[in-house]
PDB file of all heavy atoms in Angstrom:
ATOM      1  N   SER A   1      14.655  -5.522   4.436  1.00  0.00           N
ATOM      2  CA  SER A   1      15.931  -6.181   4.129  1.00  0.00           C
ATOM      3  C   SER A   1      16.659  -5.590   2.923  1.00  0.00           C
ATOM      4  O   SER A   1      17.882  -5.668   2.848  1.00  0.00           O
ATOM      5  CB  SER A   1      15.705  -7.679   3.913  1.00  0.00           C
ATOM      6  OG  SER A   1      14.860  -7.887   2.794  1.00  0.00           O
ATOM      7  N   THR A   2      15.930  -4.978   1.988  1.00  0.00           N
ATOM      8  CA  THR A   2      16.565  -4.478   0.772  1.00  0.00           C
ATOM      9  C   THR A   2      16.404  -2.976   0.559  1.00  0.00           C
ATOM     10  O   THR A   2      17.127  -2.389  -0.242  1.00  0.00           O
ATOM     11  CB  THR A   2      15.974  -5.169  -0.467  1.00  0.00           C
ATOM     12  OG1 THR A   2      14.584  -4.819  -0.574  1.00  0.00           O
ATOM     13  CG2 THR A   2      16.133  -6.674  -0.393  1.00  0.00           C
ATOM     14  N   GLY A   3      15.423  -2.360   1.235  1.00  0.00           N
ATOM     15  CA  GLY A   3      15.139  -0.949   1.018  1.00  0.00           C
ATOM     16  C   GLY A   3      14.312  -0.697  -0.227  1.00  0.00           C
ATOM     17  O   GLY A   3      13.981   0.439  -0.544  1.00  0.00           O
ATOM     18  N   ARG A   4      13.961  -1.774  -0.928  1.00  0.00           N
ATOM     19  CA  ARG A   4      13.180  -1.652  -2.166  1.00  0.00           C
ATOM     20  C   ARG A   4      11.764  -1.184  -1.849  1.00  0.00           C
ATOM     21  O   ARG A   4      11.137  -1.639  -0.918  1.00  0.00           O
ATOM     22  CB  ARG A   4      13.125  -3.008  -2.879  1.00  0.00           C
ATOM     23  CG  ARG A   4      12.288  -3.055  -4.141  1.00  0.00           C
ATOM     24  CD  ARG A   4      12.332  -4.438  -4.788  1.00  0.00           C
ATOM     25  NE  ARG A   4      12.248  -5.541  -3.857  1.00  0.00           N
ATOM     26  CZ  ARG A   4      11.096  -6.089  -3.425  1.00  0.00           C
ATOM     27  NH1 ARG A   4       9.951  -5.623  -3.836  1.00  0.00           N
ATOM     28  NH2 ARG A   4      11.118  -7.100  -2.583  1.00  0.00           N
ATOM     29  N   GLU A   5      11.260  -0.251  -2.656  1.00  0.00           N
ATOM     30  CA  GLU A   5       9.893   0.239  -2.454  1.00  0.00           C
ATOM     31  C   GLU A   5       8.916  -0.631  -3.237  1.00  0.00           C
ATOM     32  O   GLU A   5       9.121  -0.925  -4.410  1.00  0.00           O
ATOM     33  CB  GLU A   5       9.754   1.688  -2.916  1.00  0.00           C
ATOM     34  CG  GLU A   5       8.367   2.243  -2.685  1.00  0.00           C
ATOM     35  CD  GLU A   5       8.209   3.693  -3.094  1.00  0.00           C
ATOM     36  OE1 GLU A   5       9.120   4.246  -3.740  1.00  0.00           O
ATOM     37  OE2 GLU A   5       7.158   4.268  -2.763  1.00  0.00           O
ATOM     38  N   GLU A   6       7.866  -1.059  -2.569  1.00  0.00           N
ATOM     39  CA  GLU A   6       6.739  -1.723  -3.226  1.00  0.00           C
ATOM     40  C   GLU A   6       5.714  -0.644  -3.529  1.00  0.00           C
ATOM     41  O   GLU A   6       5.487   0.244  -2.713  1.00  0.00           O
ATOM     42  CB  GLU A   6       6.107  -2.781  -2.314  1.00  0.00           C
ATOM     43  CG  GLU A   6       6.936  -4.016  -2.140  1.00  0.00           C
ATOM     44  CD  GLU A   6       6.967  -4.894  -3.386  1.00  0.00           C
ATOM     45  OE1 GLU A   6       6.041  -4.825  -4.222  1.00  0.00           O
ATOM     46  OE2 GLU A   6       7.946  -5.643  -3.523  1.00  0.00           O
ATOM     47  N   LYS A   7       5.089  -0.709  -4.701  1.00  0.00           N
ATOM     48  CA  LYS A   7       4.128   0.306  -5.108  1.00  0.00           C
ATOM     49  C   LYS A   7       2.788  -0.347  -5.446  1.00  0.00           C
ATOM     50  O   LYS A   7       2.420  -0.454  -6.610  1.00  0.00           O
ATOM     51  CB  LYS A   7       4.658   1.097  -6.288  1.00  0.00           C
ATOM     52  CG  LYS A   7       5.916   1.870  -5.950  1.00  0.00           C
ATOM     53  CD  LYS A   7       6.387   2.708  -7.098  1.00  0.00           C
ATOM     54  CE  LYS A   7       7.636   3.450  -6.698  1.00  0.00           C
ATOM     55  NZ  LYS A   7       8.063   4.413  -7.677  1.00  0.00           N
ATOM     56  N   PRO A   8       2.048  -0.756  -4.412  1.00  0.00           N
ATOM     57  CA  PRO A   8       0.759  -1.384  -4.672  1.00  0.00           C
ATOM     58  C   PRO A   8      -0.297  -0.348  -5.062  1.00  0.00           C
ATOM     59  O   PRO A   8      -0.178   0.833  -4.730  1.00  0.00           O
ATOM     60  CB  PRO A   8       0.407  -2.014  -3.326  1.00  0.00           C
ATOM     61  CG  PRO A   8       1.039  -1.106  -2.333  1.00  0.00           C
ATOM     62  CD  PRO A   8       2.331  -0.664  -2.986  1.00  0.00           C
ATOM     63  N   SER A   9      -1.333  -0.798  -5.764  1.00  0.00           N
ATOM     64  CA  SER A   9      -2.447   0.108  -6.025  1.00  0.00           C
ATOM     65  C   SER A   9      -3.259   0.247  -4.742  1.00  0.00           C
ATOM     66  O   SER A   9      -3.199  -0.608  -3.858  1.00  0.00           O
ATOM     67  CB  SER A   9      -3.315  -0.418  -7.170  1.00  0.00           C
ATOM     68  OG  SER A   9      -3.865  -1.668  -6.819  1.00  0.00           O
ATOM     69  N   GLY A  10      -3.990   1.319  -4.619  1.00  0.00           N
ATOM     70  CA  GLY A  10      -4.797   1.552  -3.428  1.00  0.00           C
ATOM     71  C   GLY A  10      -4.004   2.045  -2.241  1.00  0.00           C
ATOM     72  O   GLY A  10      -4.423   1.889  -1.098  1.00  0.00           O
ATOM     73  N   ASP A  11      -2.849   2.663  -2.493  1.00  0.00           N
ATOM     74  CA  ASP A  11      -1.973   3.084  -1.392  1.00  0.00           C
ATOM     75  C   ASP A  11      -2.239   4.513  -0.909  1.00  0.00           C
ATOM     76  O   ASP A  11      -1.395   5.151  -0.316  1.00  0.00           O
ATOM     77  CB  ASP A  11      -0.506   2.915  -1.767  1.00  0.00           C
ATOM     78  CG  ASP A  11      -0.064   3.829  -2.891  1.00  0.00           C
ATOM     79  OD1 ASP A  11      -0.937   4.385  -3.583  1.00  0.00           O
ATOM     80  OD2 ASP A  11       1.142   3.987  -3.080  1.00  0.00           O
ATOM     81  N   THR A  12      -3.454   4.990  -1.133  1.00  0.00           N
ATOM     82  CA  THR A  12      -3.896   6.281  -0.628  1.00  0.00           C
ATOM     83  C   THR A  12      -5.227   6.078   0.084  1.00  0.00           C
ATOM     84  O   THR A  12      -6.082   5.339  -0.399  1.00  0.00           O
ATOM     85  CB  THR A  12      -4.071   7.296  -1.781  1.00  0.00           C
ATOM     86  OG1 THR A  12      -2.830   7.410  -2.471  1.00  0.00           O
ATOM     87  CG2 THR A  12      -4.487   8.662  -1.272  1.00  0.00           C
ATOM     88  N   THR A  13      -5.410   6.728   1.233  1.00  0.00           N
ATOM     89  CA  THR A  13      -6.646   6.538   1.973  1.00  0.00           C
ATOM     90  C   THR A  13      -7.837   7.162   1.245  1.00  0.00           C
ATOM     91  O   THR A  13      -7.708   8.160   0.537  1.00  0.00           O
ATOM     92  CB  THR A  13      -6.554   7.146   3.389  1.00  0.00           C
ATOM     93  OG1 THR A  13      -6.264   8.528   3.292  1.00  0.00           O
ATOM     94  CG2 THR A  13      -5.497   6.435   4.224  1.00  0.00           C
ATOM     95  N   ASP A  14      -9.010   6.531   1.444  1.00  0.00           N
ATOM     96  CA  ASP A  14     -10.237   7.037   0.835  1.00  0.00           C
ATOM     97  C   ASP A  14     -10.820   8.177   1.675  1.00  0.00           C
ATOM     98  O   ASP A  14     -10.201   8.624   2.647  1.00  0.00           O
ATOM     99  CB  ASP A  14     -11.246   5.904   0.621  1.00  0.00           C
ATOM    100  CG  ASP A  14     -11.804   5.316   1.910  1.00  0.00           C
ATOM    101  OD1 ASP A  14     -11.639   5.908   3.000  1.00  0.00           O
ATOM    102  OD2 ASP A  14     -12.435   4.235   1.823  1.00  0.00           O
ATOM    103  N   ILE A  15     -11.991   8.619   1.350  1.00  0.00           N
ATOM    104  CA  ILE A  15     -12.624   9.766   2.005  1.00  0.00           C
ATOM    105  C   ILE A  15     -12.808   9.557   3.510  1.00  0.00           C
ATOM    106  O   ILE A  15     -12.840  10.510   4.276  1.00  0.00           O
ATOM    107  CB  ILE A  15     -13.973  10.108   1.323  1.00  0.00           C
ATOM    108  CG1 ILE A  15     -14.501  11.459   1.793  1.00  0.00           C
ATOM    109  CG2 ILE A  15     -15.003   9.028   1.562  1.00  0.00           C
ATOM    110  CD1 ILE A  15     -13.809  12.622   1.196  1.00  0.00           C
ATOM    111  N   ASN A  16     -12.889   8.293   3.960  1.00  0.00           N
ATOM    112  CA  ASN A  16     -13.063   7.977   5.375  1.00  0.00           C
ATOM    113  C   ASN A  16     -11.780   7.512   6.052  1.00  0.00           C
ATOM    114  O   ASN A  16     -11.813   7.049   7.193  1.00  0.00           O
ATOM    115  CB  ASN A  16     -14.152   6.922   5.543  1.00  0.00           C
ATOM    116  CG  ASN A  16     -15.495   7.430   5.081  1.00  0.00           C
ATOM    117  OD1 ASN A  16     -15.937   8.499   5.504  1.00  0.00           O
ATOM    118  ND2 ASN A  16     -16.147   6.703   4.185  1.00  0.00           N
ATOM    119  N   GLY A  17     -10.650   7.585   5.335  1.00  0.00           N
ATOM    120  CA  GLY A  17      -9.362   7.223   5.911  1.00  0.00           C
ATOM    121  C   GLY A  17      -8.963   5.773   5.770  1.00  0.00           C
ATOM    122  O   GLY A  17      -7.931   5.359   6.282  1.00  0.00           O
ATOM    123  N   PHE A  18      -9.759   4.971   5.046  1.00  0.00           N
ATOM    124  CA  PHE A  18      -9.461   3.548   4.891  1.00  0.00           C
ATOM    125  C   PHE A  18      -8.550   3.296   3.692  1.00  0.00           C
ATOM    126  O   PHE A  18      -8.578   4.024   2.706  1.00  0.00           O
ATOM    127  CB  PHE A  18     -10.755   2.747   4.697  1.00  0.00           C
ATOM    128  CG  PHE A  18     -11.595   2.672   5.926  1.00  0.00           C
ATOM    129  CD1 PHE A  18     -12.679   3.514   6.097  1.00  0.00           C
ATOM    130  CD2 PHE A  18     -11.300   1.756   6.931  1.00  0.00           C
ATOM    131  CE1 PHE A  18     -13.463   3.451   7.237  1.00  0.00           C
ATOM    132  CE2 PHE A  18     -12.078   1.684   8.073  1.00  0.00           C
ATOM    133  CZ  PHE A  18     -13.159   2.534   8.226  1.00  0.00           C
ATOM    134  N   TYR A  19      -7.755   2.233   3.798  1.00  0.00           N
ATOM    135  CA  TYR A  19      -6.915   1.775   2.681  1.00  0.00           C
ATOM    136  C   TYR A  19      -6.874   0.255   2.698  1.00  0.00           C
ATOM    137  O   TYR A  19      -7.127  -0.384   3.715  1.00  0.00           O
ATOM    138  CB  TYR A  19      -5.492   2.336   2.771  1.00  0.00           C
ATOM    139  CG  TYR A  19      -4.759   1.869   4.000  1.00  0.00           C
ATOM    140  CD1 TYR A  19      -3.990   0.709   3.970  1.00  0.00           C
ATOM    141  CD2 TYR A  19      -4.845   2.565   5.203  1.00  0.00           C
ATOM    142  CE1 TYR A  19      -3.331   0.265   5.111  1.00  0.00           C
ATOM    143  CE2 TYR A  19      -4.188   2.135   6.334  1.00  0.00           C
ATOM    144  CZ  TYR A  19      -3.438   0.983   6.283  1.00  0.00           C
ATOM    145  OH  TYR A  19      -2.799   0.533   7.403  1.00  0.00           O
ATOM    146  N   SER A  20      -6.553  -0.324   1.555  1.00  0.00           N
ATOM    147  CA  SER A  20      -6.378  -1.768   1.441  1.00  0.00           C
ATOM    148  C   SER A  20      -5.429  -2.018   0.278  1.00  0.00           C
ATOM    149  O   SER A  20      -5.671  -1.563  -0.843  1.00  0.00           O
ATOM    150  CB  SER A  20      -7.717  -2.461   1.178  1.00  0.00           C
ATOM    151  OG  SER A  20      -7.556  -3.856   1.150  1.00  0.00           O
ATOM    152  N   VAL A  21      -4.331  -2.704   0.558  1.00  0.00           N
ATOM    153  CA  VAL A  21      -3.319  -2.973  -0.466  1.00  0.00           C
ATOM    154  C   VAL A  21      -2.950  -4.447  -0.441  1.00  0.00           C
ATOM    155  O   VAL A  21      -3.106  -5.125   0.572  1.00  0.00           O
ATOM    156  CB  VAL A  21      -2.048  -2.111  -0.269  1.00  0.00           C
ATOM    157  CG1 VAL A  21      -2.354  -0.640  -0.444  1.00  0.00           C
ATOM    158  CG2 VAL A  21      -1.426  -2.370   1.078  1.00  0.00           C
ATOM    159  N   ILE A  22      -2.456  -4.919  -1.553  1.00  0.00           N
ATOM    160  CA  ILE A  22      -1.966  -6.294  -1.663  1.00  0.00           C
ATOM    161  C   ILE A  22      -0.456  -6.220  -1.831  1.00  0.00           C
ATOM    162  O   ILE A  22       0.042  -5.532  -2.735  1.00  0.00           O
ATOM    163  CB  ILE A  22      -2.618  -7.024  -2.849  1.00  0.00           C
ATOM    164  CG1 ILE A  22      -4.124  -7.097  -2.632  1.00  0.00           C
ATOM    165  CG2 ILE A  22      -2.017  -8.417  -3.020  1.00  0.00           C
ATOM    166  CD1 ILE A  22      -4.897  -7.645  -3.804  1.00  0.00           C
ATOM    167  N   LEU A  23       0.262  -6.923  -0.938  1.00  0.00           N
ATOM    168  CA  LEU A  23       1.729  -6.892  -0.932  1.00  0.00           C
ATOM    169  C   LEU A  23       2.290  -8.300  -0.835  1.00  0.00           C
ATOM    170  O   LEU A  23       1.660  -9.182  -0.234  1.00  0.00           O
ATOM    171  CB  LEU A  23       2.230  -6.101   0.281  1.00  0.00           C
ATOM    172  CG  LEU A  23       1.922  -4.619   0.314  1.00  0.00           C
ATOM    173  CD1 LEU A  23       2.073  -4.073   1.710  1.00  0.00           C
ATOM    174  CD2 LEU A  23       2.834  -3.896  -0.650  1.00  0.00           C
ATOM    175  N   PRO A  24       3.489  -8.523  -1.371  1.00  0.00           N
ATOM    176  CA  PRO A  24       4.163  -9.798  -1.153  1.00  0.00           C
ATOM    177  C   PRO A  24       4.513  -9.942   0.331  1.00  0.00           C
ATOM    178  O   PRO A  24       4.796  -8.939   0.996  1.00  0.00           O
ATOM    179  CB  PRO A  24       5.439  -9.694  -1.985  1.00  0.00           C
ATOM    180  CG  PRO A  24       5.256  -8.543  -2.889  1.00  0.00           C
ATOM    181  CD  PRO A  24       4.247  -7.637  -2.248  1.00  0.00           C
ATOM    182  N   PRO A  25       4.487 -11.152   0.868  1.00  0.00           N
ATOM    183  CA  PRO A  25       4.859 -11.344   2.278  1.00  0.00           C
ATOM    184  C   PRO A  25       6.310 -10.913   2.515  1.00  0.00           C
ATOM    185  O   PRO A  25       7.223 -11.437   1.888  1.00  0.00           O
ATOM    186  CB  PRO A  25       4.698 -12.848   2.496  1.00  0.00           C
ATOM    187  CG  PRO A  25       3.760 -13.284   1.427  1.00  0.00           C
ATOM    188  CD  PRO A  25       4.048 -12.396   0.248  1.00  0.00           C
TER     189      PRO A  25
END
């Protein structure tokens, strides 16, 4: 709706391709 970028920590995949981030709904 706004084009605003959210920059959560953990936004890069680990050695096995997994990621987990916390974002506002």
